[in-house]
Amino acid sequence: MTATSPARNEPTATVLVVDEGATTGTLEAYLNGAGHLVVTAHDGASALRQLSAQPCDLVLCDVTLPD
């Protein structure tokens, strides 16, 4: 099953905000395998820049980011 945005019938655009490399890689691989279009950010400022530049359907964020 592929994750799709209900409004556009396109892959779900997902921003993944995690500051740990191993966790990022694992989650990104899983989400890509499920059909998500994944963009990663490693801190809050990068995530905000990404979100203002391109809309997304889902944000997954680490709750213990350094900023």
C-alpha atoms as a PDB file:
ATOM      1  CA  MET A   1       0.000   0.000   0.000  1.00  0.00           C
ATOM      2  CA  THR A   2       1.282   3.448  -0.909  1.00  0.00           C
ATOM      3  CA  ALA A   3       0.647   6.487   1.267  1.00  0.00           C
ATOM      4  CA  THR A   4      -1.144   9.145  -0.761  1.00  0.00           C
ATOM      5  CA  SER A   5      -2.384  12.605  -0.021  1.00  0.00           C
ATOM      6  CA  PRO A   6      -6.183  12.402  -0.098  1.00  0.00           C
ATOM      7  CA  ALA A   7      -6.560  15.829  -1.686  1.00  0.00           C
ATOM      8  CA  ARG A   8      -4.143  15.240  -4.569  1.00  0.00           C
ATOM      9  CA  ASN A   9      -3.864  11.455  -4.948  1.00  0.00           C
ATOM     10  CA  GLU A  10      -0.082  11.892  -4.904  1.00  0.00           C
ATOM     11  CA  PRO A  11       2.534  10.429  -2.552  1.00  0.00           C
ATOM     12  CA  THR A  12       2.286  11.874   0.944  1.00  0.00           C
ATOM     13  CA  ALA A  13       4.829  14.677   1.334  1.00  0.00           C
ATOM     14  CA  THR A  14       6.495  14.119   4.702  1.00  0.00           C
ATOM     15  CA  VAL A  15       9.033  16.251   6.581  1.00  0.00           C
ATOM     16  CA  LEU A  16      11.109  14.176   8.994  1.00  0.00           C
ATOM     17  CA  VAL A  17      12.831  16.227  11.716  1.00  0.00           C
ATOM     18  CA  VAL A  18      15.360  14.114  13.623  1.00  0.00           C
ATOM     19  CA  ASP A  19      18.839  15.046  14.810  1.00  0.00           C
ATOM     20  CA  GLU A  20      20.260  11.502  15.069  1.00  0.00           C
ATOM     21  CA  GLY A  21      21.677  10.047  11.846  1.00  0.00           C
ATOM     22  CA  ALA A  22      20.881   6.378  12.496  1.00  0.00           C
ATOM     23  CA  THR A  23      17.284   7.160  13.440  1.00  0.00           C
ATOM     24  CA  THR A  24      16.870   9.427  10.432  1.00  0.00           C
ATOM     25  CA  GLY A  25      18.086   6.749   8.042  1.00  0.00           C
ATOM     26  CA  THR A  26      15.850   4.062   9.496  1.00  0.00           C
ATOM     27  CA  LEU A  27      12.710   6.209   9.507  1.00  0.00           C
ATOM     28  CA  GLU A  28      13.433   7.618   6.057  1.00  0.00           C
ATOM     29  CA  ALA A  29      13.856   4.119   4.596  1.00  0.00           C
ATOM     30  CA  TYR A  30      10.626   2.929   6.202  1.00  0.00           C
ATOM     31  CA  LEU A  31       8.609   5.945   5.035  1.00  0.00           C
ATOM     32  CA  ASN A  32      10.041   5.805   1.500  1.00  0.00           C
ATOM     33  CA  GLY A  33       9.145   2.114   1.370  1.00  0.00           C
ATOM     34  CA  ALA A  34       5.582   2.998   2.367  1.00  0.00           C
ATOM     35  CA  GLY A  35       5.347   5.452  -0.534  1.00  0.00           C
ATOM     36  CA  HIS A  36       6.041   8.737   1.258  1.00  0.00           C
ATOM     37  CA  LEU A  37       8.039  11.510  -0.376  1.00  0.00           C
ATOM     38  CA  VAL A  38      10.433  12.289   2.493  1.00  0.00           C
ATOM     39  CA  VAL A  39      12.427  15.447   3.121  1.00  0.00           C
ATOM     40  CA  THR A  40      14.687  15.445   6.178  1.00  0.00           C
ATOM     41  CA  ALA A  41      15.711  18.252   8.491  1.00  0.00           C
ATOM     42  CA  HIS A  42      18.162  17.913  11.370  1.00  0.00           C
ATOM     43  CA  ASP A  43      17.006  20.826  13.507  1.00  0.00           C
ATOM     44  CA  GLY A  44      13.986  23.038  14.057  1.00  0.00           C
ATOM     45  CA  ALA A  45      15.262  25.971  12.000  1.00  0.00           C
ATOM     46  CA  SER A  46      15.870  23.759   8.953  1.00  0.00           C
ATOM     47  CA  ALA A  47      12.417  22.227   9.329  1.00  0.00           C
ATOM     48  CA  LEU A  48      10.763  25.651   9.429  1.00  0.00           C
ATOM     49  CA  ARG A  49      12.639  26.736   6.302  1.00  0.00           C
ATOM     50  CA  GLN A  50      11.572  23.565   4.516  1.00  0.00           C
ATOM     51  CA  LEU A  51       7.945  23.979   5.563  1.00  0.00           C
ATOM     52  CA  SER A  52       7.820  27.577   4.369  1.00  0.00           C
ATOM     53  CA  ALA A  53       9.363  26.627   1.015  1.00  0.00           C
ATOM     54  CA  GLN A  54       7.193  23.607   0.262  1.00  0.00           C
ATOM     55  CA  PRO A  55       3.890  22.446   1.747  1.00  0.00           C
ATOM     56  CA  CYS A  56       3.679  18.960   3.190  1.00  0.00           C
ATOM     57  CA  ASP A  57       1.033  16.543   4.424  1.00  0.00           C
ATOM     58  CA  LEU A  58       2.829  15.167   7.473  1.00  0.00           C
ATOM     59  CA  VAL A  59       5.565  16.281   9.879  1.00  0.00           C
ATOM     60  CA  LEU A  60       7.312  13.760  12.123  1.00  0.00           C
ATOM     61  CA  CYS A  61       9.445  15.533  14.697  1.00  0.00           C
ATOM     62  CA  ASP A  62      11.830  14.415  17.423  1.00  0.00           C
ATOM     63  CA  VAL A  63      10.678  16.001  20.688  1.00  0.00           C
ATOM     64  CA  THR A  64      14.233  16.438  22.015  1.00  0.00           C
ATOM     65  CA  LEU A  65      15.815  18.577  19.310  1.00  0.00           C
ATOM     66  CA  PRO A  66      18.680  20.786  20.502  1.00  0.00           C
ATOM     67  CA  ASP A  67      16.962  23.973  19.307  1.00  0.00           C
END
